[in-house]
Amino acid sequence: TYPNLHMGYEHKAKRFLGFTHNRFEGVGCQGSGGNILIKPFSGDVKQ
């Protein structure tokens, strides 16, 4: 999501950047993982 927290997600956020495929749950250093971002689109890639 945007904005995101350590795990790439904020529950209150509405805007999504896509989906990622790993994360180390609950850790510090502002998080880690987030490999392979996949964003679906319909009509416009930038939508």
All heavy atoms as atom14 arrays in JSON, in Angstrom:
{
  "sequence": "TYPNLHMGYEHKAKRFLGFTHNRFEGVGCQGSGGNILIKPFSGDVKQ",
  "atom14_mask": [
    [1, 1, 1, 1, 1, 1, 1, 0, 0, 0, 0, 0, 0, 0],
    [1, 1, 1, 1, 1, 1, 1, 1, 1, 1, 1, 1, 0, 0],
    [1, 1, 1, 1, 1, 1, 1, 0, 0, 0, 0, 0, 0, 0],
    [1, 1, 1, 1, 1, 1, 1, 1, 0, 0, 0, 0, 0, 0],
    [1, 1, 1, 1, 1, 1, 1, 1, 0, 0, 0, 0, 0, 0],
    [1, 1, 1, 1, 1, 1, 1, 1, 1, 1, 0, 0, 0, 0],
    [1, 1, 1, 1, 1, 1, 1, 1, 0, 0, 0, 0, 0, 0],
    [1, 1, 1, 1, 0, 0, 0, 0, 0, 0, 0, 0, 0, 0],
    [1, 1, 1, 1, 1, 1, 1, 1, 1, 1, 1, 1, 0, 0],
    [1, 1, 1, 1, 1, 1, 1, 1, 1, 0, 0, 0, 0, 0],
    [1, 1, 1, 1, 1, 1, 1, 1, 1, 1, 0, 0, 0, 0],
    [1, 1, 1, 1, 1, 1, 1, 1, 1, 0, 0, 0, 0, 0],
    [1, 1, 1, 1, 1, 0, 0, 0, 0, 0, 0, 0, 0, 0],
    [1, 1, 1, 1, 1, 1, 1, 1, 1, 0, 0, 0, 0, 0],
    [1, 1, 1, 1, 1, 1, 1, 1, 1, 1, 1, 0, 0, 0],
    [1, 1, 1, 1, 1, 1, 1, 1, 1, 1, 1, 0, 0, 0],
    [1, 1, 1, 1, 1, 1, 1, 1, 0, 0, 0, 0, 0, 0],
    [1, 1, 1, 1, 0, 0, 0, 0, 0, 0, 0, 0, 0, 0],
    [1, 1, 1, 1, 1, 1, 1, 1, 1, 1, 1, 0, 0, 0],
    [1, 1, 1, 1, 1, 1, 1, 0, 0, 0, 0, 0, 0, 0],
    [1, 1, 1, 1, 1, 1, 1, 1, 1, 1, 0, 0, 0, 0],
    [1, 1, 1, 1, 1, 1, 1, 1, 0, 0, 0, 0, 0, 0],
    [1, 1, 1, 1, 1, 1, 1, 1, 1, 1, 1, 0, 0, 0],
    [1, 1, 1, 1, 1, 1, 1, 1, 1, 1, 1, 0, 0, 0],
    [1, 1, 1, 1, 1, 1, 1, 1, 1, 0, 0, 0, 0, 0],
    [1, 1, 1, 1, 0, 0, 0, 0, 0, 0, 0, 0, 0, 0],
    [1, 1, 1, 1, 1, 1, 1, 0, 0, 0, 0, 0, 0, 0],
    [1, 1, 1, 1, 0, 0, 0, 0, 0, 0, 0, 0, 0, 0],
    [1, 1, 1, 1, 1, 1, 0, 0, 0, 0, 0, 0, 0, 0],
    [1, 1, 1, 1, 1, 1, 1, 1, 1, 0, 0, 0, 0, 0],
    [1, 1, 1, 1, 0, 0, 0, 0, 0, 0, 0, 0, 0, 0],
    [1, 1, 1, 1, 1, 1, 0, 0, 0, 0, 0, 0, 0, 0],
    [1, 1, 1, 1, 0, 0, 0, 0, 0, 0, 0, 0, 0, 0],
    [1, 1, 1, 1, 0, 0, 0, 0, 0, 0, 0, 0, 0, 0],
    [1, 1, 1, 1, 1, 1, 1, 1, 0, 0, 0, 0, 0, 0],
    [1, 1, 1, 1, 1, 1, 1, 1, 0, 0, 0, 0, 0, 0],
    [1, 1, 1, 1, 1, 1, 1, 1, 0, 0, 0, 0, 0, 0],
    [1, 1, 1, 1, 1, 1, 1, 1, 0, 0, 0, 0, 0, 0],
    [1, 1, 1, 1, 1, 1, 1, 1, 1, 0, 0, 0, 0, 0],
    [1, 1, 1, 1, 1, 1, 1, 0, 0, 0, 0, 0, 0, 0],
    [1, 1, 1, 1, 1, 1, 1, 1, 1, 1, 1, 0, 0, 0],
    [1, 1, 1, 1, 1, 1, 0, 0, 0, 0, 0, 0, 0, 0],
    [1, 1, 1, 1, 0, 0, 0, 0, 0, 0, 0, 0, 0, 0],
    [1, 1, 1, 1, 1, 1, 1, 1, 0, 0, 0, 0, 0, 0],
    [1, 1, 1, 1, 1, 1, 1, 0, 0, 0, 0, 0, 0, 0],
    [1, 1, 1, 1, 1, 1, 1, 1, 1, 0, 0, 0, 0, 0],
    [1, 1, 1, 1, 1, 1, 1, 1, 1, 0, 0, 0, 0, 0]
  ],
  "atom14_positions": [
    [[0.83, -1.21, 0.0], [0.0, 0.0, 0.0], [0.86, 1.26, 0.0], [2.06, 1.22, 0.23], [-0.91, 0.04, 1.24], [-0.09, 0.16, 2.42], [-1.78, -1.2, 1.34], [0.0, 0.0, 0.0], [0.0, 0.0, 0.0], [0.0, 0.0, 0.0], [0.0, 0.0, 0.0], [0.0, 0.0, 0.0], [0.0, 0.0, 0.0], [0.0, 0.0, 0.0]],
    [[0.18, 2.37, -0.26], [0.81, 3.68, -0.07], [-0.11, 4.51, 0.81], [-1.28, 4.69, 0.49], [1.04, 4.41, -1.39], [1.63, 5.79, -1.14], [3.0, 5.94, -0.96], [0.81, 6.91, -1.02], [3.54, 7.19, -0.68], [1.35, 8.16, -0.74], [2.71, 8.29, -0.57], [3.25, 9.52, -0.28], [0.0, 0.0, 0.0], [0.0, 0.0, 0.0]],
    [[0.41, 5.02, 1.95], [1.75, 4.75, 2.47], [1.82, 3.34, 3.06], [0.79, 2.7, 3.26], [1.92, 5.81, 3.55], [0.54, 6.07, 4.03], [-0.35, 5.94, 2.82], [0.0, 0.0, 0.0], [0.0, 0.0, 0.0], [0.0, 0.0, 0.0], [0.0, 0.0, 0.0], [0.0, 0.0, 0.0], [0.0, 0.0, 0.0], [0.0, 0.0, 0.0]],
    [[3.03, 2.89, 3.33], [3.2, 1.54, 3.84], [3.95, 1.57, 5.17], [4.65, 2.53, 5.5], [3.97, 0.67, 2.85], [5.4, 1.1, 2.68], [5.68, 2.05, 1.95], [6.31, 0.43, 3.34], [0.0, 0.0, 0.0], [0.0, 0.0, 0.0], [0.0, 0.0, 0.0], [0.0, 0.0, 0.0], [0.0, 0.0, 0.0], [0.0, 0.0, 0.0]],
    [[3.81, 0.49, 5.92], [4.58, 0.28, 7.14], [5.69, -0.73, 6.86], [5.99, -1.04, 5.72], [3.65, -0.22, 8.24], [2.5, 0.73, 8.61], [1.62, 0.1, 9.67], [3.03, 2.07, 9.09], [0.0, 0.0, 0.0], [0.0, 0.0, 0.0], [0.0, 0.0, 0.0], [0.0, 0.0, 0.0], [0.0, 0.0, 0.0], [0.0, 0.0, 0.0]],
    [[6.29, -1.27, 7.93], [7.44, -2.16, 7.77], [7.14, -3.35, 6.86], [8.01, -3.81, 6.13], [7.87, -2.71, 9.14], [8.53, -1.71, 10.03], [8.26, -0.37, 9.98], [9.47, -1.86, 11.0], [8.97, 0.26, 10.89], [9.72, -0.62, 11.52], [0.0, 0.0, 0.0], [0.0, 0.0, 0.0], [0.0, 0.0, 0.0], [0.0, 0.0, 0.0]],
    [[5.91, -3.87, 6.92], [5.55, -5.07, 6.14], [4.97, -4.73, 4.77], [4.47, -5.59, 4.06], [4.56, -5.92, 6.92], [5.08, -6.48, 8.23], [6.58, -7.45, 8.03], [7.84, -6.3, 8.59], [0.0, 0.0, 0.0], [0.0, 0.0, 0.0], [0.0, 0.0, 0.0], [0.0, 0.0, 0.0], [0.0, 0.0, 0.0], [0.0, 0.0, 0.0]],
    [[4.99, -3.45, 4.41], [4.49, -3.03, 3.11], [3.02, -2.68, 3.09], [2.48, -2.33, 2.04], [0.0, 0.0, 0.0], [0.0, 0.0, 0.0], [0.0, 0.0, 0.0], [0.0, 0.0, 0.0], [0.0, 0.0, 0.0], [0.0, 0.0, 0.0], [0.0, 0.0, 0.0], [0.0, 0.0, 0.0], [0.0, 0.0, 0.0], [0.0, 0.0, 0.0]],
    [[2.37, -2.75, 4.26], [0.92, -2.59, 4.31], [0.52, -1.68, 5.47], [1.11, -1.76, 6.55], [0.27, -3.96, 4.48], [-1.23, -3.94, 4.73], [-2.14, -3.88, 3.68], [-1.73, -4.0, 6.03], [-3.52, -3.87, 3.91], [-3.1, -4.0, 6.26], [-3.99, -3.93, 5.2], [-5.34, -3.93, 5.44], [0.0, 0.0, 0.0], [0.0, 0.0, 0.0]],
    [[-0.47, -0.84, 5.22], [-1.12, -0.05, 6.27], [-2.62, -0.28, 6.17], [-3.23, -0.07, 5.11], [-0.79, 1.44, 6.11], [-1.73, 2.41, 6.8], [-1.84, 2.2, 8.3], [-0.81, 2.3, 8.99], [-2.96, 1.94, 8.77], [0.0, 0.0, 0.0], [0.0, 0.0, 0.0], [0.0, 0.0, 0.0], [0.0, 0.0, 0.0], [0.0, 0.0, 0.0]],
    [[-3.21, -0.74, 7.26], [-4.62, -1.13, 7.25], [-5.55, 0.01, 6.8], [-6.56, -0.23, 6.12], [-5.03, -1.62, 8.64], [-6.43, -2.12, 8.73], [-6.86, -3.23, 8.03], [-7.5, -1.66, 9.41], [-8.14, -3.43, 8.29], [-8.56, -2.5, 9.12], [0.0, 0.0, 0.0], [0.0, 0.0, 0.0], [0.0, 0.0, 0.0], [0.0, 0.0, 0.0]],
    [[-5.21, 1.23, 7.17], [-6.08, 2.36, 6.85], [-5.86, 2.89, 5.43], [-6.65, 3.69, 4.95], [-5.85, 3.49, 7.85], [-6.26, 3.13, 9.27], [-5.96, 4.27, 10.23], [-6.33, 3.9, 11.66], [-6.0, 4.98, 12.62], [0.0, 0.0, 0.0], [0.0, 0.0, 0.0], [0.0, 0.0, 0.0], [0.0, 0.0, 0.0], [0.0, 0.0, 0.0]],
    [[-4.79, 2.47, 4.77], [-4.47, 2.99, 3.44], [-5.48, 2.5, 2.41], [-5.95, 1.35, 2.45], [-3.07, 2.58, 3.03], [0.0, 0.0, 0.0], [0.0, 0.0, 0.0], [0.0, 0.0, 0.0], [0.0, 0.0, 0.0], [0.0, 0.0, 0.0], [0.0, 0.0, 0.0], [0.0, 0.0, 0.0], [0.0, 0.0, 0.0], [0.0, 0.0, 0.0]],
    [[-5.8, 3.35, 1.46], [-6.72, 3.01, 0.38], [-5.99, 2.69, -0.93], [-6.45, 1.9, -1.75], [-7.69, 4.17, 0.14], [-8.64, 4.45, 1.29], [-9.66, 3.33, 1.45], [-10.7, 3.68, 2.5], [-11.7, 2.61, 2.67], [0.0, 0.0, 0.0], [0.0, 0.0, 0.0], [0.0, 0.0, 0.0], [0.0, 0.0, 0.0], [0.0, 0.0, 0.0]],
    [[-4.86, 3.35, -1.15], [-4.13, 3.2, -2.41], [-3.2, 2.0, -2.35], [-2.37, 1.88, -1.45], [-3.34, 4.47, -2.71], [-2.56, 4.42, -4.01], [-1.72, 5.67, -4.18], [-0.78, 5.54, -5.28], [0.27, 6.34, -5.46], [0.49, 7.33, -4.62], [1.08, 6.15, -6.48], [0.0, 0.0, 0.0], [0.0, 0.0, 0.0], [0.0, 0.0, 0.0]],
    [[-3.33, 1.11, -3.34], [-2.49, -0.08, -3.42], [-1.51, 0.06, -4.59], [-1.87, 0.55, -5.66], [-3.35, -1.33, -3.66], [-3.95, -1.92, -2.41], [-4.55, -1.12, -1.45], [-3.9, -3.28, -2.19], [-5.11, -1.66, -0.31], [-4.46, -3.84, -1.05], [-5.07, -3.03, -0.1], [0.0, 0.0, 0.0], [0.0, 0.0, 0.0], [0.0, 0.0, 0.0]],
    [[-0.27, -0.4, -4.35], [0.74, -0.43, -5.4], [0.81, -1.79, -6.08], [1.45, -1.94, -7.11], [2.1, -0.06, -4.83], [2.18, 1.28, -4.08], [3.6, 1.51, -3.57], [1.73, 2.43, -4.98], [0.0, 0.0, 0.0], [0.0, 0.0, 0.0], [0.0, 0.0, 0.0], [0.0, 0.0, 0.0], [0.0, 0.0, 0.0], [0.0, 0.0, 0.0]],
    [[0.16, -2.78, -5.47], [0.18, -4.13, -6.0], [0.33, -5.15, -4.89], [-0.09, -4.9, -3.74], [0.0, 0.0, 0.0], [0.0, 0.0, 0.0], [0.0, 0.0, 0.0], [0.0, 0.0, 0.0], [0.0, 0.0, 0.0], [0.0, 0.0, 0.0], [0.0, 0.0, 0.0], [0.0, 0.0, 0.0], [0.0, 0.0, 0.0], [0.0, 0.0, 0.0]],
    [[0.95, -6.29, -5.22], [1.12, -7.37, -4.24], [2.57, -7.87, -4.3], [3.13, -8.02, -5.38], [0.16, -8.53, -4.55], [-1.28, -8.09, -4.62], [-1.87, -7.83, -5.85], [-2.02, -7.92, -3.47], [-3.19, -7.41, -5.93], [-3.34, -7.5, -3.53], [-3.93, -7.24, -4.76], [0.0, 0.0, 0.0], [0.0, 0.0, 0.0], [0.0, 0.0, 0.0]],
    [[3.14, -8.12, -3.14], [4.51, -8.66, -3.07], [4.47, -10.05, -2.45], [3.45, -10.48, -1.9], [5.43, -7.73, -2.27], [4.89, -7.53, -0.95], [5.57, -6.38, -2.96], [0.0, 0.0, 0.0], [0.0, 0.0, 0.0], [0.0, 0.0, 0.0], [0.0, 0.0, 0.0], [0.0, 0.0, 0.0], [0.0, 0.0, 0.0], [0.0, 0.0, 0.0]],
    [[5.61, -10.76, -2.48], [5.58, -12.2, -2.26], [6.46, -12.71, -1.13], [6.66, -13.92, -1.01], [5.9, -12.89, -3.58], [4.82, -12.67, -4.6], [4.67, -11.47, -5.27], [3.81, -13.47, -5.02], [3.64, -11.55, -6.08], [3.09, -12.74, -5.95], [0.0, 0.0, 0.0], [0.0, 0.0, 0.0], [0.0, 0.0, 0.0], [0.0, 0.0, 0.0]],
    [[6.97, -11.84, -0.32], [7.62, -12.25, 0.94], [7.77, -11.04, 1.84], [7.74, -9.89, 1.39], [8.97, -12.94, 0.69], [9.98, -12.02, 0.03], [9.68, -10.9, -0.38], [11.21, -12.48, -0.09], [0.0, 0.0, 0.0], [0.0, 0.0, 0.0], [0.0, 0.0, 0.0], [0.0, 0.0, 0.0], [0.0, 0.0, 0.0], [0.0, 0.0, 0.0]],
    [[7.91, -11.32, 3.12], [8.15, -10.27, 4.13], [8.53, -11.0, 5.41], [8.09, -12.12, 5.67], [6.9, -9.41, 4.35], [5.73, -10.1, 4.99], [4.41, -9.62, 4.44], [4.23, -10.13, 3.08], [4.14, -9.35, 2.0], [4.2, -8.04, 2.1], [3.99, -9.89, 0.8], [0.0, 0.0, 0.0], [0.0, 0.0, 0.0], [0.0, 0.0, 0.0]],
    [[9.37, -10.36, 6.22], [9.73, -10.94, 7.52], [8.85, -10.27, 8.56], [9.08, -9.12, 8.95], [11.22, -10.71, 7.83], [11.8, -11.77, 8.73], [12.93, -12.47, 8.37], [11.21, -12.07, 9.95], [13.47, -13.46, 9.18], [11.73, -13.05, 10.77], [12.87, -13.75, 10.39], [0.0, 0.0, 0.0], [0.0, 0.0, 0.0], [0.0, 0.0, 0.0]],
    [[7.84, -10.98, 9.03], [6.79, -10.39, 9.85], [7.33, -9.83, 11.17], [8.06, -10.5, 11.9], [5.7, -11.43, 10.16], [4.87, -11.84, 8.96], [3.84, -10.8, 8.56], [3.64, -9.84, 9.32], [3.22, -10.97, 7.49], [0.0, 0.0, 0.0], [0.0, 0.0, 0.0], [0.0, 0.0, 0.0], [0.0, 0.0, 0.0], [0.0, 0.0, 0.0]],
    [[6.94, -8.58, 11.44], [7.13, -7.99, 12.75], [8.5, -7.45, 13.06], [8.75, -7.03, 14.19], [0.0, 0.0, 0.0], [0.0, 0.0, 0.0], [0.0, 0.0, 0.0], [0.0, 0.0, 0.0], [0.0, 0.0, 0.0], [0.0, 0.0, 0.0], [0.0, 0.0, 0.0], [0.0, 0.0, 0.0], [0.0, 0.0, 0.0], [0.0, 0.0, 0.0]],
    [[9.42, -7.41, 12.1], [10.79, -7.02, 12.42], [11.02, -5.53, 12.23], [10.21, -4.83, 11.62], [11.81, -7.82, 11.57], [11.65, -9.3, 11.83], [11.66, -7.51, 10.09], [0.0, 0.0, 0.0], [0.0, 0.0, 0.0], [0.0, 0.0, 0.0], [0.0, 0.0, 0.0], [0.0, 0.0, 0.0], [0.0, 0.0, 0.0], [0.0, 0.0, 0.0]],
    [[12.14, -5.06, 12.76], [12.47, -3.64, 12.71], [13.25, -3.27, 11.46], [13.13, -3.89, 10.41], [0.0, 0.0, 0.0], [0.0, 0.0, 0.0], [0.0, 0.0, 0.0], [0.0, 0.0, 0.0], [0.0, 0.0, 0.0], [0.0, 0.0, 0.0], [0.0, 0.0, 0.0], [0.0, 0.0, 0.0], [0.0, 0.0, 0.0], [0.0, 0.0, 0.0]],
    [[14.08, -2.24, 11.58], [14.84, -1.69, 10.46], [13.92, -1.33, 9.29], [14.29, -1.46, 8.12], [15.93, -2.66, 9.99], [17.32, -2.77, 11.14], [0.0, 0.0, 0.0], [0.0, 0.0, 0.0], [0.0, 0.0, 0.0], [0.0, 0.0, 0.0], [0.0, 0.0, 0.0], [0.0, 0.0, 0.0], [0.0, 0.0, 0.0], [0.0, 0.0, 0.0]],
    [[12.7, -0.93, 9.61], [11.7, -0.51, 8.63], [11.27, -1.63, 7.69], [10.74, -1.38, 6.61], [12.2, 0.71, 7.84], [12.46, 1.91, 8.73], [12.96, 3.11, 7.96], [12.78, 3.2, 6.75], [13.57, 4.04, 8.67], [0.0, 0.0, 0.0], [0.0, 0.0, 0.0], [0.0, 0.0, 0.0], [0.0, 0.0, 0.0], [0.0, 0.0, 0.0]],
    [[11.52, -2.87, 8.11], [10.99, -4.01, 7.37], [11.92, -4.54, 6.3], [12.88, -3.89, 5.89], [0.0, 0.0, 0.0], [0.0, 0.0, 0.0], [0.0, 0.0, 0.0], [0.0, 0.0, 0.0], [0.0, 0.0, 0.0], [0.0, 0.0, 0.0], [0.0, 0.0, 0.0], [0.0, 0.0, 0.0], [0.0, 0.0, 0.0], [0.0, 0.0, 0.0]],
    [[11.62, -5.76, 5.86], [12.41, -6.34, 4.77], [11.6, -7.4, 4.05], [10.65, -7.98, 4.59], [13.71, -6.95, 5.3], [13.45, -8.08, 6.11], [0.0, 0.0, 0.0], [0.0, 0.0, 0.0], [0.0, 0.0, 0.0], [0.0, 0.0, 0.0], [0.0, 0.0, 0.0], [0.0, 0.0, 0.0], [0.0, 0.0, 0.0], [0.0, 0.0, 0.0]],
    [[11.99, -7.65, 2.82], [11.25, -8.53, 1.92], [10.67, -7.7, 0.79], [11.32, -6.81, 0.24], [0.0, 0.0, 0.0], [0.0, 0.0, 0.0], [0.0, 0.0, 0.0], [0.0, 0.0, 0.0], [0.0, 0.0, 0.0], [0.0, 0.0, 0.0], [0.0, 0.0, 0.0], [0.0, 0.0, 0.0], [0.0, 0.0, 0.0], [0.0, 0.0, 0.0]],
    [[9.44, -7.97, 0.43], [8.78, -7.18, -0.61], [9.22, -7.5, -2.02], [9.08, -6.66, -2.92], [0.0, 0.0, 0.0], [0.0, 0.0, 0.0], [0.0, 0.0, 0.0], [0.0, 0.0, 0.0], [0.0, 0.0, 0.0], [0.0, 0.0, 0.0], [0.0, 0.0, 0.0], [0.0, 0.0, 0.0], [0.0, 0.0, 0.0], [0.0, 0.0, 0.0]],
    [[9.72, -8.72, -2.24], [10.14, -9.1, -3.59], [8.94, -9.37, -4.5], [7.87, -9.75, -4.06], [11.01, -10.36, -3.54], [12.36, -10.12, -2.87], [12.76, -10.85, -1.97], [13.06, -9.08, -3.31], [0.0, 0.0, 0.0], [0.0, 0.0, 0.0], [0.0, 0.0, 0.0], [0.0, 0.0, 0.0], [0.0, 0.0, 0.0], [0.0, 0.0, 0.0]],
    [[9.18, -9.17, -5.8], [8.25, -9.48, -6.89], [6.93, -8.72, -6.69], [5.92, -9.28, -6.25], [7.99, -10.99, -7.04], [9.32, -11.77, -7.06], [7.19, -11.27, -8.31], [9.14, -13.28, -7.13], [0.0, 0.0, 0.0], [0.0, 0.0, 0.0], [0.0, 0.0, 0.0], [0.0, 0.0, 0.0], [0.0, 0.0, 0.0], [0.0, 0.0, 0.0]],
    [[6.94, -7.45, -7.04], [5.72, -6.64, -7.0], [4.91, -6.91, -8.26], [5.41, -6.76, -9.38], [6.08, -5.16, -6.91], [4.9, -4.19, -7.0], [4.06, -4.27, -5.74], [5.37, -2.77, -7.26], [0.0, 0.0, 0.0], [0.0, 0.0, 0.0], [0.0, 0.0, 0.0], [0.0, 0.0, 0.0], [0.0, 0.0, 0.0], [0.0, 0.0, 0.0]],
    [[3.66, -7.29, -8.08], [2.75, -7.53, -9.2], [1.53, -6.63, -9.03], [0.82, -6.73, -8.02], [2.32, -9.0, -9.29], [3.56, -9.89, -9.54], [1.28, -9.21, -10.38], [3.24, -11.37, -9.62], [0.0, 0.0, 0.0], [0.0, 0.0, 0.0], [0.0, 0.0, 0.0], [0.0, 0.0, 0.0], [0.0, 0.0, 0.0], [0.0, 0.0, 0.0]],
    [[1.29, -5.77, -10.02], [0.15, -4.85, -9.97], [-0.78, -5.15, -11.15], [-0.39, -5.02, -12.31], [0.63, -3.4, -10.07], [-0.52, -2.39, -10.14], [-0.03, -1.01, -10.52], [-1.2, -0.04, -10.72], [-0.76, 1.28, -11.21], [0.0, 0.0, 0.0], [0.0, 0.0, 0.0], [0.0, 0.0, 0.0], [0.0, 0.0, 0.0], [0.0, 0.0, 0.0]],
    [[-2.03, -5.53, -10.87], [-2.99, -5.72, -11.96], [-3.47, -4.37, -12.48], [-3.55, -3.4, -11.73], [-4.12, -6.5, -11.28], [-4.07, -6.05, -9.86], [-2.61, -5.81, -9.54], [0.0, 0.0, 0.0], [0.0, 0.0, 0.0], [0.0, 0.0, 0.0], [0.0, 0.0, 0.0], [0.0, 0.0, 0.0], [0.0, 0.0, 0.0], [0.0, 0.0, 0.0]],
    [[-3.79, -4.3, -13.77], [-4.36, -3.06, -14.31], [-5.46, -3.39, -15.32], [-5.51, -4.49, -15.87], [-3.28, -2.18, -14.95], [-2.64, -2.76, -16.18], [-3.23, -2.6, -17.45], [-1.44, -3.45, -16.1], [-2.64, -3.14, -18.58], [-0.84, -3.99, -17.23], [-1.44, -3.83, -18.48], [0.0, 0.0, 0.0], [0.0, 0.0, 0.0], [0.0, 0.0, 0.0]],
    [[-6.31, -2.42, -15.51], [-7.39, -2.57, -16.49], [-7.47, -1.3, -17.31], [-7.86, -0.24, -16.82], [-8.73, -2.83, -15.78], [-9.77, -3.01, -16.72], [0.0, 0.0, 0.0], [0.0, 0.0, 0.0], [0.0, 0.0, 0.0], [0.0, 0.0, 0.0], [0.0, 0.0, 0.0], [0.0, 0.0, 0.0], [0.0, 0.0, 0.0], [0.0, 0.0, 0.0]],
    [[-7.02, -1.39, -18.55], [-7.05, -0.24, -19.46], [-5.78, 0.57, -19.42], [-5.11, 0.74, -20.44], [0.0, 0.0, 0.0], [0.0, 0.0, 0.0], [0.0, 0.0, 0.0], [0.0, 0.0, 0.0], [0.0, 0.0, 0.0], [0.0, 0.0, 0.0], [0.0, 0.0, 0.0], [0.0, 0.0, 0.0], [0.0, 0.0, 0.0], [0.0, 0.0, 0.0]],
    [[-5.39, 1.06, -18.27], [-4.24, 1.95, -18.15], [-3.29, 1.41, -17.08], [-3.69, 1.22, -15.92], [-4.71, 3.36, -17.76], [-3.57, 4.37, -17.68], [-2.41, 3.97, -17.92], [-3.85, 5.53, -17.35], [0.0, 0.0, 0.0], [0.0, 0.0, 0.0], [0.0, 0.0, 0.0], [0.0, 0.0, 0.0], [0.0, 0.0, 0.0], [0.0, 0.0, 0.0]],
    [[-2.05, 1.16, -17.48], [-1.05, 0.63, -16.54], [-0.88, 1.54, -15.34], [-0.67, 1.08, -14.21], [0.31, 0.43, -17.25], [1.37, -0.01, -16.26], [0.18, -0.58, -18.38], [0.0, 0.0, 0.0], [0.0, 0.0, 0.0], [0.0, 0.0, 0.0], [0.0, 0.0, 0.0], [0.0, 0.0, 0.0], [0.0, 0.0, 0.0], [0.0, 0.0, 0.0]],
    [[-1.0, 2.84, -15.55], [-0.74, 3.8, -14.49], [-1.97, 4.09, -13.63], [-1.9, 4.88, -12.68], [-0.22, 5.11, -15.09], [1.13, 4.95, -15.79], [1.64, 6.27, -16.34], [3.0, 6.1, -17.01], [3.51, 7.39, -17.54], [0.0, 0.0, 0.0], [0.0, 0.0, 0.0], [0.0, 0.0, 0.0], [0.0, 0.0, 0.0], [0.0, 0.0, 0.0]],
    [[-3.09, 3.47, -13.96], [-4.3, 3.71, -13.18], [-4.11, 3.25, -11.73], [-3.57, 2.18, -11.47], [-5.49, 2.96, -13.79], [-6.81, 3.21, -13.08], [-7.93, 2.37, -13.65], [-7.78, 1.16, -13.81], [-9.04, 3.01, -13.98], [0.0, 0.0, 0.0], [0.0, 0.0, 0.0], [0.0, 0.0, 0.0], [0.0, 0.0, 0.0], [0.0, 0.0, 0.0]]
  ]
}
